[in-house]
Amino acid sequence: GKEREFVAVISPSGGVYSPDSRFTVSRDNAKHTVDLQMN
C-alpha cells in the first residue's frame, strides 16, 4: 500500500549514504556484489 522508497546507496568508491543507521551497504567490486545489512 505504499510507494517505493529509498533505503541506502553506495558510491563506486564505497562511500555510503543511509538515512537510517540500522542499515548499511557494502560492496565487493571484484566479485560484483553489493550487500545490505539490516539490524
Full PDB file with SEQRES, HELIX, SHEET, SSBOND, CRYST1, ORIGX, SCALE, CONECT and MASTER records, all heavy atoms in Angstrom:
SEQRES   1 A   39  GLY LYS GLU ARG GLU PHE VAL ALA VAL ILE SER PRO SER          
SEQRES   2 A   39  GLY GLY VAL TYR SER PRO ASP SER ARG PHE THR VAL SER          
SEQRES   3 A   39  ARG ASP ASN ALA LYS HIS THR VAL ASP LEU GLN MET ASN          
SHEET    1 AA1 2 VAL A   9  ILE A  10  0                                        
SHEET    2 AA1 2 VAL A  16  TYR A  17 -1                                        
SHEET    1 AA2 2 PHE A  23  ASP A  28  0                                        
SHEET    2 AA2 2 THR A  33  MET A  38 -1                                        
CRYST1    1.000    1.000    1.000  90.00  90.00  90.00 P 1           1          
ORIGX1      1.000000  0.000000  0.000000        0.00000                         
ORIGX2      0.000000  1.000000  0.000000        0.00000                         
ORIGX3      0.000000  0.000000  1.000000        0.00000                         
SCALE1      1.000000  0.000000  0.000000        0.00000                         
SCALE2      0.000000  1.000000  0.000000        0.00000                         
SCALE3      0.000000  0.000000  1.000000        0.00000                         
ATOM      1  N   GLY A   1       0.772  -1.225   0.000  1.00  0.00           N  
ATOM      2  CA  GLY A   1       0.000   0.000   0.000  1.00  0.00           C  
ATOM      3  C   GLY A   1       0.806   1.278   0.000  1.00  0.00           C  
ATOM      4  O   GLY A   1       0.226   2.361   0.123  1.00  0.00           O  
ATOM      5  N   LYS A   2       2.127   1.192  -0.147  1.00  0.00           N  
ATOM      6  CA  LYS A   2       2.971   2.376  -0.114  1.00  0.00           C  
ATOM      7  C   LYS A   2       3.820   2.477  -1.380  1.00  0.00           C  
ATOM      8  O   LYS A   2       4.004   1.505  -2.102  1.00  0.00           O  
ATOM      9  CB  LYS A   2       3.883   2.359   1.115  1.00  0.00           C  
ATOM     10  CG  LYS A   2       3.153   2.325   2.439  1.00  0.00           C  
ATOM     11  CD  LYS A   2       4.104   2.434   3.611  1.00  0.00           C  
ATOM     12  CE  LYS A   2       4.742   3.805   3.686  1.00  0.00           C  
ATOM     13  NZ  LYS A   2       5.598   3.955   4.894  1.00  0.00           N  
ATOM     14  N   GLU A   3       4.325   3.680  -1.635  1.00  0.00           N  
ATOM     15  CA  GLU A   3       5.223   3.905  -2.759  1.00  0.00           C  
ATOM     16  C   GLU A   3       6.601   3.329  -2.452  1.00  0.00           C  
ATOM     17  O   GLU A   3       6.983   3.164  -1.293  1.00  0.00           O  
ATOM     18  CB  GLU A   3       5.336   5.396  -3.058  1.00  0.00           C  
ATOM     19  CG  GLU A   3       4.038   6.068  -3.466  1.00  0.00           C  
ATOM     20  CD  GLU A   3       3.543   5.588  -4.803  1.00  0.00           C  
ATOM     21  OE1 GLU A   3       4.375   5.341  -5.702  1.00  0.00           O  
ATOM     22  OE2 GLU A   3       2.318   5.451  -4.959  1.00  0.00           O  
ATOM     23  N   ARG A   4       7.337   3.043  -3.503  1.00  0.00           N  
ATOM     24  CA  ARG A   4       8.709   2.579  -3.328  1.00  0.00           C  
ATOM     25  C   ARG A   4       9.547   3.709  -2.742  1.00  0.00           C  
ATOM     26  O   ARG A   4       9.451   4.862  -3.161  1.00  0.00           O  
ATOM     27  CB  ARG A   4       9.278   2.122  -4.671  1.00  0.00           C  
ATOM     28  CG  ARG A   4      10.641   1.471  -4.574  1.00  0.00           C  
ATOM     29  CD  ARG A   4      10.902   0.563  -5.753  1.00  0.00           C  
ATOM     30  NE  ARG A   4      10.748   1.237  -7.029  1.00  0.00           N  
ATOM     31  CZ  ARG A   4      10.788   0.624  -8.197  1.00  0.00           C  
ATOM     32  NH1 ARG A   4      10.960  -0.689  -8.260  1.00  0.00           N  
ATOM     33  NH2 ARG A   4      10.633   1.321  -9.311  1.00  0.00           N  
ATOM     34  N   GLU A   5      10.376   3.391  -1.753  1.00  0.00           N  
ATOM     35  CA  GLU A   5      11.161   4.405  -1.082  1.00  0.00           C  
ATOM     36  C   GLU A   5      12.638   4.040  -1.029  1.00  0.00           C  
ATOM     37  O   GLU A   5      13.012   2.868  -1.023  1.00  0.00           O  
ATOM     38  CB  GLU A   5      10.637   4.661   0.341  1.00  0.00           C  
ATOM     39  CG  GLU A   5      10.819   3.506   1.302  1.00  0.00           C  
ATOM     40  CD  GLU A   5      10.410   3.846   2.727  1.00  0.00           C  
ATOM     41  OE1 GLU A   5      10.210   5.042   3.031  1.00  0.00           O  
ATOM     42  OE2 GLU A   5      10.289   2.913   3.545  1.00  0.00           O  
ATOM     43  N   PHE A   6      13.455   5.064  -0.961  1.00  0.00           N  
ATOM     44  CA  PHE A   6      14.899   4.919  -0.894  1.00  0.00           C  
ATOM     45  C   PHE A   6      15.328   4.406   0.473  1.00  0.00           C  
ATOM     46  O   PHE A   6      14.821   4.847   1.508  1.00  0.00           O  
ATOM     47  CB  PHE A   6      15.550   6.279  -1.177  1.00  0.00           C  
ATOM     48  CG  PHE A   6      17.026   6.326  -0.932  1.00  0.00           C  
ATOM     49  CD1 PHE A   6      17.912   5.785  -1.848  1.00  0.00           C  
ATOM     50  CD2 PHE A   6      17.531   6.927   0.207  1.00  0.00           C  
ATOM     51  CE1 PHE A   6      19.278   5.836  -1.630  1.00  0.00           C  
ATOM     52  CE2 PHE A   6      18.892   6.986   0.435  1.00  0.00           C  
ATOM     53  CZ  PHE A   6      19.768   6.437  -0.491  1.00  0.00           C  
ATOM     54  N   VAL A   7      16.289   3.477   0.482  1.00  0.00           N  
ATOM     55  CA  VAL A   7      16.831   2.935   1.723  1.00  0.00           C  
ATOM     56  C   VAL A   7      18.268   3.388   1.948  1.00  0.00           C  
ATOM     57  O   VAL A   7      18.601   3.949   2.995  1.00  0.00           O  
ATOM     58  CB  VAL A   7      16.755   1.393   1.742  1.00  0.00           C  
ATOM     59  CG1 VAL A   7      17.413   0.840   3.001  1.00  0.00           C  
ATOM     60  CG2 VAL A   7      15.309   0.929   1.646  1.00  0.00           C  
ATOM     61  N   ALA A   8      19.136   3.145   0.967  1.00  0.00           N  
ATOM     62  CA  ALA A   8      20.550   3.486   1.103  1.00  0.00           C  
ATOM     63  C   ALA A   8      21.215   3.383  -0.255  1.00  0.00           C  
ATOM     64  O   ALA A   8      20.683   2.770  -1.181  1.00  0.00           O  
ATOM     65  CB  ALA A   8      21.246   2.565   2.110  1.00  0.00           C  
ATOM     66  N   VAL A   9      22.407   3.976  -0.377  1.00  0.00           N  
ATOM     67  CA  VAL A   9      23.165   3.906  -1.619  1.00  0.00           C  
ATOM     68  C   VAL A   9      24.652   3.862  -1.308  1.00  0.00           C  
ATOM     69  O   VAL A   9      25.103   4.415  -0.293  1.00  0.00           O  
ATOM     70  CB  VAL A   9      22.834   5.109  -2.548  1.00  0.00           C  
ATOM     71  CG1 VAL A   9      23.246   6.431  -1.913  1.00  0.00           C  
ATOM     72  CG2 VAL A   9      23.460   4.931  -3.919  1.00  0.00           C  
ATOM     73  N   ILE A  10      25.410   3.194  -2.173  1.00  0.00           N  
ATOM     74  CA  ILE A  10      26.861   3.148  -2.048  1.00  0.00           C  
ATOM     75  C   ILE A  10      27.473   3.618  -3.362  1.00  0.00           C  
ATOM     76  O   ILE A  10      27.033   3.221  -4.443  1.00  0.00           O  
ATOM     77  CB  ILE A  10      27.348   1.733  -1.647  1.00  0.00           C  
ATOM     78  CG1 ILE A  10      28.853   1.734  -1.377  1.00  0.00           C  
ATOM     79  CG2 ILE A  10      26.964   0.692  -2.694  1.00  0.00           C  
ATOM     80  CD1 ILE A  10      29.335   0.462  -0.686  1.00  0.00           C  
ATOM     81  N   SER A  11      28.478   4.477  -3.274  1.00  0.00           N  
ATOM     82  CA  SER A  11      29.130   5.030  -4.452  1.00  0.00           C  
ATOM     83  C   SER A  11      30.081   4.007  -5.054  1.00  0.00           C  
ATOM     84  O   SER A  11      30.397   2.987  -4.434  1.00  0.00           O  
ATOM     85  CB  SER A  11      29.900   6.299  -4.077  1.00  0.00           C  
ATOM     86  OG  SER A  11      31.067   5.978  -3.344  1.00  0.00           O  
ATOM     87  N   PRO A  12      30.572   4.256  -6.278  1.00  0.00           N  
ATOM     88  CA  PRO A  12      31.553   3.330  -6.871  1.00  0.00           C  
ATOM     89  C   PRO A  12      32.787   3.115  -6.006  1.00  0.00           C  
ATOM     90  O   PRO A  12      33.369   2.021  -6.030  1.00  0.00           O  
ATOM     91  CB  PRO A  12      31.907   4.001  -8.192  1.00  0.00           C  
ATOM     92  CG  PRO A  12      30.679   4.767  -8.556  1.00  0.00           C  
ATOM     93  CD  PRO A  12      30.152   5.286  -7.239  1.00  0.00           C  
ATOM     94  N   SER A  13      33.184   4.133  -5.240  1.00  0.00           N  
ATOM     95  CA  SER A  13      34.372   4.032  -4.403  1.00  0.00           C  
ATOM     96  C   SER A  13      34.091   3.515  -3.000  1.00  0.00           C  
ATOM     97  O   SER A  13      35.017   3.359  -2.207  1.00  0.00           O  
ATOM     98  CB  SER A  13      35.075   5.385  -4.315  1.00  0.00           C  
ATOM     99  OG  SER A  13      34.231   6.355  -3.730  1.00  0.00           O  
ATOM    100  N   GLY A  14      32.817   3.273  -2.671  1.00  0.00           N  
ATOM    101  CA  GLY A  14      32.475   2.698  -1.387  1.00  0.00           C  
ATOM    102  C   GLY A  14      31.880   3.647  -0.368  1.00  0.00           C  
ATOM    103  O   GLY A  14      31.628   3.237   0.773  1.00  0.00           O  
ATOM    104  N   GLY A  15      31.658   4.907  -0.730  1.00  0.00           N  
ATOM    105  CA  GLY A  15      31.007   5.827   0.178  1.00  0.00           C  
ATOM    106  C   GLY A  15      29.538   5.473   0.357  1.00  0.00           C  
ATOM    107  O   GLY A  15      28.850   5.154  -0.608  1.00  0.00           O  
ATOM    108  N   VAL A  16      29.053   5.524   1.589  1.00  0.00           N  
ATOM    109  CA  VAL A  16      27.697   5.086   1.913  1.00  0.00           C  
ATOM    110  C   VAL A  16      26.855   6.249   2.418  1.00  0.00           C  
ATOM    111  O   VAL A  16      27.302   7.049   3.245  1.00  0.00           O  
ATOM    112  CB  VAL A  16      27.714   3.966   2.976  1.00  0.00           C  
ATOM    113  CG1 VAL A  16      26.296   3.613   3.406  1.00  0.00           C  
ATOM    114  CG2 VAL A  16      28.424   2.739   2.442  1.00  0.00           C  
ATOM    115  N   TYR A  17      25.625   6.336   1.917  1.00  0.00           N  
ATOM    116  CA  TYR A  17      24.628   7.230   2.467  1.00  0.00           C  
ATOM    117  C   TYR A  17      23.422   6.398   2.860  1.00  0.00           C  
ATOM    118  O   TYR A  17      22.810   5.748   2.013  1.00  0.00           O  
ATOM    119  CB  TYR A  17      24.211   8.313   1.472  1.00  0.00           C  
ATOM    120  CG  TYR A  17      23.044   9.143   1.963  1.00  0.00           C  
ATOM    121  CD1 TYR A  17      23.149   9.902   3.122  1.00  0.00           C  
ATOM    122  CD2 TYR A  17      21.830   9.153   1.287  1.00  0.00           C  
ATOM    123  CE1 TYR A  17      22.084  10.646   3.593  1.00  0.00           C  
ATOM    124  CE2 TYR A  17      20.756   9.894   1.748  1.00  0.00           C  
ATOM    125  CZ  TYR A  17      20.887  10.647   2.900  1.00  0.00           C  
ATOM    126  OH  TYR A  17      19.828  11.390   3.361  1.00  0.00           O  
ATOM    127  N   SER A  18      23.096   6.423   4.153  1.00  0.00           N  
ATOM    128  CA  SER A  18      21.964   5.676   4.675  1.00  0.00           C  
ATOM    129  C   SER A  18      21.268   6.517   5.733  1.00  0.00           C  
ATOM    130  O   SER A  18      21.821   6.717   6.818  1.00  0.00           O  
ATOM    131  CB  SER A  18      22.427   4.349   5.279  1.00  0.00           C  
ATOM    132  OG  SER A  18      21.338   3.638   5.839  1.00  0.00           O  
ATOM    133  N   PRO A  19      20.072   7.025   5.447  1.00  0.00           N  
ATOM    134  CA  PRO A  19      19.375   7.859   6.438  1.00  0.00           C  
ATOM    135  C   PRO A  19      19.079   7.139   7.749  1.00  0.00           C  
ATOM    136  O   PRO A  19      19.040   7.785   8.796  1.00  0.00           O  
ATOM    137  CB  PRO A  19      18.074   8.235   5.718  1.00  0.00           C  
ATOM    138  CG  PRO A  19      18.403   8.130   4.259  1.00  0.00           C  
ATOM    139  CD  PRO A  19      19.351   6.976   4.166  1.00  0.00           C  
ATOM    140  N   ASP A  20      18.882   5.844   7.707  1.00  0.00           N  
ATOM    141  CA  ASP A  20      18.591   5.045   8.890  1.00  0.00           C  
ATOM    142  C   ASP A  20      19.843   4.287   9.298  1.00  0.00           C  
ATOM    143  O   ASP A  20      20.350   3.462   8.530  1.00  0.00           O  
ATOM    144  CB  ASP A  20      17.444   4.081   8.601  1.00  0.00           C  
ATOM    145  CG  ASP A  20      16.874   3.437   9.851  1.00  0.00           C  
ATOM    146  OD1 ASP A  20      17.632   3.205  10.813  1.00  0.00           O  
ATOM    147  OD2 ASP A  20      15.660   3.153   9.873  1.00  0.00           O  
ATOM    148  N   SER A  21      20.344   4.544  10.510  1.00  0.00           N  
ATOM    149  CA  SER A  21      21.593   3.947  10.962  1.00  0.00           C  
ATOM    150  C   SER A  21      21.513   2.442  11.169  1.00  0.00           C  
ATOM    151  O   SER A  21      22.551   1.790  11.324  1.00  0.00           O  
ATOM    152  CB  SER A  21      22.066   4.619  12.256  1.00  0.00           C  
ATOM    153  OG  SER A  21      21.139   4.413  13.308  1.00  0.00           O  
ATOM    154  N   ARG A  22      20.321   1.881  11.175  1.00  0.00           N  
ATOM    155  CA  ARG A  22      20.176   0.427  11.286  1.00  0.00           C  
ATOM    156  C   ARG A  22      20.581  -0.294  10.004  1.00  0.00           C  
ATOM    157  O   ARG A  22      20.758  -1.509  10.013  1.00  0.00           O  
ATOM    158  CB  ARG A  22      18.735   0.051  11.629  1.00  0.00           C  
ATOM    159  CG  ARG A  22      18.252   0.599  12.966  1.00  0.00           C  
ATOM    160  CD  ARG A  22      16.778   0.227  13.200  1.00  0.00           C  
ATOM    161  NE  ARG A  22      15.932   0.778  12.159  1.00  0.00           N  
ATOM    162  CZ  ARG A  22      15.034   0.075  11.477  1.00  0.00           C  
ATOM    163  NH1 ARG A  22      14.859  -1.214  11.733  1.00  0.00           N  
ATOM    164  NH2 ARG A  22      14.301   0.670  10.547  1.00  0.00           N  
ATOM    165  N   PHE A  23      20.708   0.454   8.922  1.00  0.00           N  
ATOM    166  CA  PHE A  23      21.007  -0.126   7.615  1.00  0.00           C  
ATOM    167  C   PHE A  23      22.340   0.389   7.101  1.00  0.00           C  
ATOM    168  O   PHE A  23      22.638   1.582   7.214  1.00  0.00           O  
ATOM    169  CB  PHE A  23      19.914   0.226   6.603  1.00  0.00           C  
ATOM    170  CG  PHE A  23      18.542  -0.223   6.998  1.00  0.00           C  
ATOM    171  CD1 PHE A  23      17.684   0.637   7.656  1.00  0.00           C  
ATOM    172  CD2 PHE A  23      18.108  -1.499   6.718  1.00  0.00           C  
ATOM    173  CE1 PHE A  23      16.405   0.229   8.024  1.00  0.00           C  
ATOM    174  CE2 PHE A  23      16.841  -1.925   7.073  1.00  0.00           C  
ATOM    175  CZ  PHE A  23      15.986  -1.060   7.727  1.00  0.00           C  
ATOM    176  N   THR A  24      23.135  -0.495   6.533  1.00  0.00           N  
ATOM    177  CA  THR A  24      24.365  -0.080   5.887  1.00  0.00           C  
ATOM    178  C   THR A  24      24.619  -0.940   4.657  1.00  0.00           C  
ATOM    179  O   THR A  24      24.122  -2.062   4.550  1.00  0.00           O  
ATOM    180  CB  THR A  24      25.560  -0.141   6.851  1.00  0.00           C  
ATOM    181  OG1 THR A  24      26.682   0.535   6.269  1.00  0.00           O  
ATOM    182  CG2 THR A  24      25.954  -1.584   7.143  1.00  0.00           C  
ATOM    183  N   VAL A  25      25.394  -0.404   3.728  1.00  0.00           N  
ATOM    184  CA  VAL A  25      25.669  -1.056   2.458  1.00  0.00           C  
ATOM    185  C   VAL A  25      27.169  -1.293   2.330  1.00  0.00           C  
ATOM    186  O   VAL A  25      27.976  -0.474   2.772  1.00  0.00           O  
ATOM    187  CB  VAL A  25      25.178  -0.209   1.269  1.00  0.00           C  
ATOM    188  CG1 VAL A  25      25.243  -1.011  -0.029  1.00  0.00           C  
ATOM    189  CG2 VAL A  25      23.760   0.291   1.508  1.00  0.00           C  
ATOM    190  N   SER A  26      27.519  -2.411   1.721  1.00  0.00           N  
ATOM    191  CA  SER A  26      28.907  -2.696   1.391  1.00  0.00           C  
ATOM    192  C   SER A  26      28.965  -3.271  -0.018  1.00  0.00           C  
ATOM    193  O   SER A  26      27.960  -3.754  -0.541  1.00  0.00           O  
ATOM    194  CB  SER A  26      29.528  -3.662   2.403  1.00  0.00           C  
ATOM    195  OG  SER A  26      28.832  -4.898   2.424  1.00  0.00           O  
ATOM    196  N   ARG A  27      30.131  -3.197  -0.638  1.00  0.00           N  
ATOM    197  CA  ARG A  27      30.273  -3.751  -1.978  1.00  0.00           C  
ATOM    198  C   ARG A  27      31.633  -4.397  -2.150  1.00  0.00           C  
ATOM    199  O   ARG A  27      32.614  -4.020  -1.510  1.00  0.00           O  
ATOM    200  CB  ARG A  27      30.047  -2.674  -3.049  1.00  0.00           C  
ATOM    201  CG  ARG A  27      31.136  -1.612  -3.142  1.00  0.00           C  
ATOM    202  CD  ARG A  27      30.701  -0.467  -4.056  1.00  0.00           C  
ATOM    203  NE  ARG A  27      30.501  -0.914  -5.427  1.00  0.00           N  
ATOM    204  CZ  ARG A  27      29.783  -0.253  -6.342  1.00  0.00           C  
ATOM    205  NH1 ARG A  27      29.167   0.885  -6.004  1.00  0.00           N  
ATOM    206  NH2 ARG A  27      29.665  -0.723  -7.570  1.00  0.00           N  
ATOM    207  N   ASP A  28      31.663  -5.380  -3.024  1.00  0.00           N  
ATOM    208  CA  ASP A  28      32.886  -6.052  -3.410  1.00  0.00           C  
ATOM    209  C   ASP A  28      32.958  -5.956  -4.924  1.00  0.00           C  
ATOM    210  O   ASP A  28      32.308  -6.721  -5.640  1.00  0.00           O  
ATOM    211  CB  ASP A  28      32.889  -7.507  -2.938  1.00  0.00           C  
ATOM    212  CG  ASP A  28      34.215  -8.199  -3.167  1.00  0.00           C  
ATOM    213  OD1 ASP A  28      34.932  -7.839  -4.120  1.00  0.00           O  
ATOM    214  OD2 ASP A  28      34.541  -9.117  -2.399  1.00  0.00           O  
ATOM    215  N   ASN A  29      33.719  -5.006  -5.421  1.00  0.00           N  
ATOM    216  CA  ASN A  29      33.767  -4.768  -6.862  1.00  0.00           C  
ATOM    217  C   ASN A  29      34.403  -5.929  -7.623  1.00  0.00           C  
ATOM    218  O   ASN A  29      34.061  -6.181  -8.777  1.00  0.00           O  
ATOM    219  CB  ASN A  29      34.516  -3.471  -7.157  1.00  0.00           C  
ATOM    220  CG  ASN A  29      33.705  -2.245  -6.797  1.00  0.00           C  
ATOM    221  OD1 ASN A  29      32.482  -2.303  -6.685  1.00  0.00           O  
ATOM    222  ND2 ASN A  29      34.383  -1.124  -6.601  1.00  0.00           N  
ATOM    223  N   ALA A  30      35.324  -6.629  -6.983  1.00  0.00           N  
ATOM    224  CA  ALA A  30      35.953  -7.776  -7.631  1.00  0.00           C  
ATOM    225  C   ALA A  30      34.950  -8.901  -7.855  1.00  0.00           C  
ATOM    226  O   ALA A  30      35.023  -9.614  -8.862  1.00  0.00           O  
ATOM    227  CB  ALA A  30      37.137  -8.273  -6.812  1.00  0.00           C  
ATOM    228  N   LYS A  31      34.016  -9.079  -6.927  1.00  0.00           N  
ATOM    229  CA  LYS A  31      33.009 -10.131  -7.026  1.00  0.00           C  
ATOM    230  C   LYS A  31      31.708  -9.652  -7.640  1.00  0.00           C  
ATOM    231  O   LYS A  31      30.797 -10.459  -7.840  1.00  0.00           O  
ATOM    232  CB  LYS A  31      32.742 -10.729  -5.650  1.00  0.00           C  
ATOM    233  CG  LYS A  31      33.928 -11.443  -5.038  1.00  0.00           C  
ATOM    234  CD  LYS A  31      33.563 -12.046  -3.690  1.00  0.00           C  
ATOM    235  CE  LYS A  31      34.732 -12.797  -3.093  1.00  0.00           C  
ATOM    236  NZ  LYS A  31      34.392 -13.385  -1.769  1.00  0.00           N  
ATOM    237  N   HIS A  32      31.598  -8.355  -7.933  1.00  0.00           N  
ATOM    238  CA  HIS A  32      30.378  -7.765  -8.499  1.00  0.00           C  
ATOM    239  C   HIS A  32      29.172  -7.997  -7.594  1.00  0.00           C  
ATOM    240  O   HIS A  32      28.096  -8.393  -8.057  1.00  0.00           O  
ATOM    241  CB  HIS A  32      30.101  -8.326  -9.894  1.00  0.00           C  
ATOM    242  CG  HIS A  32      31.124  -7.957 -10.916  1.00  0.00           C  
ATOM    243  ND1 HIS A  32      30.991  -8.315 -12.248  1.00  0.00           N  
ATOM    244  CD2 HIS A  32      32.283  -7.283 -10.827  1.00  0.00           C  
ATOM    245  CE1 HIS A  32      32.030  -7.869 -12.918  1.00  0.00           C  
ATOM    246  NE2 HIS A  32      32.835  -7.241 -12.075  1.00  0.00           N  
ATOM    247  N   THR A  33      29.348  -7.743  -6.315  1.00  0.00           N  
ATOM    248  CA  THR A  33      28.258  -7.912  -5.365  1.00  0.00           C  
ATOM    249  C   THR A  33      28.105  -6.685  -4.474  1.00  0.00           C  
ATOM    250  O   THR A  33      29.068  -5.952  -4.227  1.00  0.00           O  
ATOM    251  CB  THR A  33      28.454  -9.143  -4.469  1.00  0.00           C  
ATOM    252  OG1 THR A  33      29.682  -9.026  -3.745  1.00  0.00           O  
ATOM    253  CG2 THR A  33      28.455 -10.415  -5.290  1.00  0.00           C  
ATOM    254  N   VAL A  34      26.896  -6.476  -3.996  1.00  0.00           N  
ATOM    255  CA  VAL A  34      26.606  -5.429  -3.029  1.00  0.00           C  
ATOM    256  C   VAL A  34      25.637  -6.003  -2.000  1.00  0.00           C  
ATOM    257  O   VAL A  34      24.709  -6.732  -2.356  1.00  0.00           O  
ATOM    258  CB  VAL A  34      26.033  -4.163  -3.708  1.00  0.00           C  
ATOM    259  CG1 VAL A  34      24.750  -4.483  -4.474  1.00  0.00           C  
ATOM    260  CG2 VAL A  34      25.792  -3.064  -2.687  1.00  0.00           C  
ATOM    261  N   ASP A  35      25.871  -5.691  -0.728  1.00  0.00           N  
ATOM    262  CA  ASP A  35      25.061  -6.226   0.357  1.00  0.00           C  
ATOM    263  C   ASP A  35      24.371  -5.107   1.121  1.00  0.00           C  
ATOM    264  O   ASP A  35      24.877  -3.987   1.213  1.00  0.00           O  
ATOM    265  CB  ASP A  35      25.916  -7.018   1.342  1.00  0.00           C  
ATOM    266  CG  ASP A  35      26.438  -8.323   0.776  1.00  0.00           C  
ATOM    267  OD1 ASP A  35      26.048  -8.692  -0.347  1.00  0.00           O  
ATOM    268  OD2 ASP A  35      27.240  -8.976   1.471  1.00  0.00           O  
ATOM    269  N   LEU A  36      23.214  -5.422   1.662  1.00  0.00           N  
ATOM    270  CA  LEU A  36      22.506  -4.535   2.579  1.00  0.00           C  
ATOM    271  C   LEU A  36      22.396  -5.245   3.919  1.00  0.00           C  
ATOM    272  O   LEU A  36      21.722  -6.271   4.020  1.00  0.00           O  
ATOM    273  CB  LEU A  36      21.117  -4.188   2.046  1.00  0.00           C  
ATOM    274  CG  LEU A  36      20.244  -3.328   2.968  1.00  0.00           C  
ATOM    275  CD1 LEU A  36      20.827  -1.924   3.106  1.00  0.00           C  
ATOM    276  CD2 LEU A  36      18.810  -3.261   2.453  1.00  0.00           C  
ATOM    277  N   GLN A  37      23.070  -4.708   4.932  1.00  0.00           N  
ATOM    278  CA  GLN A  37      22.999  -5.254   6.280  1.00  0.00           C  
ATOM    279  C   GLN A  37      21.910  -4.520   7.046  1.00  0.00           C  
ATOM    280  O   GLN A  37      21.947  -3.298   7.174  1.00  0.00           O  
ATOM    281  CB  GLN A  37      24.338  -5.105   6.998  1.00  0.00           C  
ATOM    282  CG  GLN A  37      24.351  -5.619   8.432  1.00  0.00           C  
ATOM    283  CD  GLN A  37      24.168  -7.120   8.525  1.00  0.00           C  
ATOM    284  OE1 GLN A  37      24.794  -7.866   7.784  1.00  0.00           O  
ATOM    285  NE2 GLN A  37      23.300  -7.565   9.430  1.00  0.00           N  
ATOM    286  N   MET A  38      20.948  -5.265   7.561  1.00  0.00           N  
ATOM    287  CA  MET A  38      19.813  -4.698   8.278  1.00  0.00           C  
ATOM    288  C   MET A  38      19.818  -5.231   9.701  1.00  0.00           C  
ATOM    289  O   MET A  38      19.751  -6.442   9.917  1.00  0.00           O  
ATOM    290  CB  MET A  38      18.500  -5.046   7.582  1.00  0.00           C  
ATOM    291  CG  MET A  38      18.451  -4.635   6.116  1.00  0.00           C  
ATOM    292  SD  MET A  38      16.828  -4.930   5.370  1.00  0.00           S  
ATOM    293  CE  MET A  38      16.795  -6.728   5.411  1.00  0.00           C  
ATOM    294  N   ASN A  39      19.878  -4.330  10.671  1.00  0.00           N  
ATOM    295  CA  ASN A  39      19.921  -4.695  12.080  1.00  0.00           C  
ATOM    296  C   ASN A  39      18.722  -4.115  12.821  1.00  0.00           C  
ATOM    297  O   ASN A  39      18.122  -3.132  12.394  1.00  0.00           O  
ATOM    298  CB  ASN A  39      21.211  -4.185  12.722  1.00  0.00           C  
ATOM    299  CG  ASN A  39      22.453  -4.775  12.102  1.00  0.00           C  
ATOM    300  OD1 ASN A  39      22.488  -5.952  11.750  1.00  0.00           O  
ATOM    301  ND2 ASN A  39      23.500  -3.964  11.978  1.00  0.00           N  
TER     302      ASN A  39                                                      
MASTER        0    0    0    0    4    0    0    6  301    1    0    3          
END                                                                             
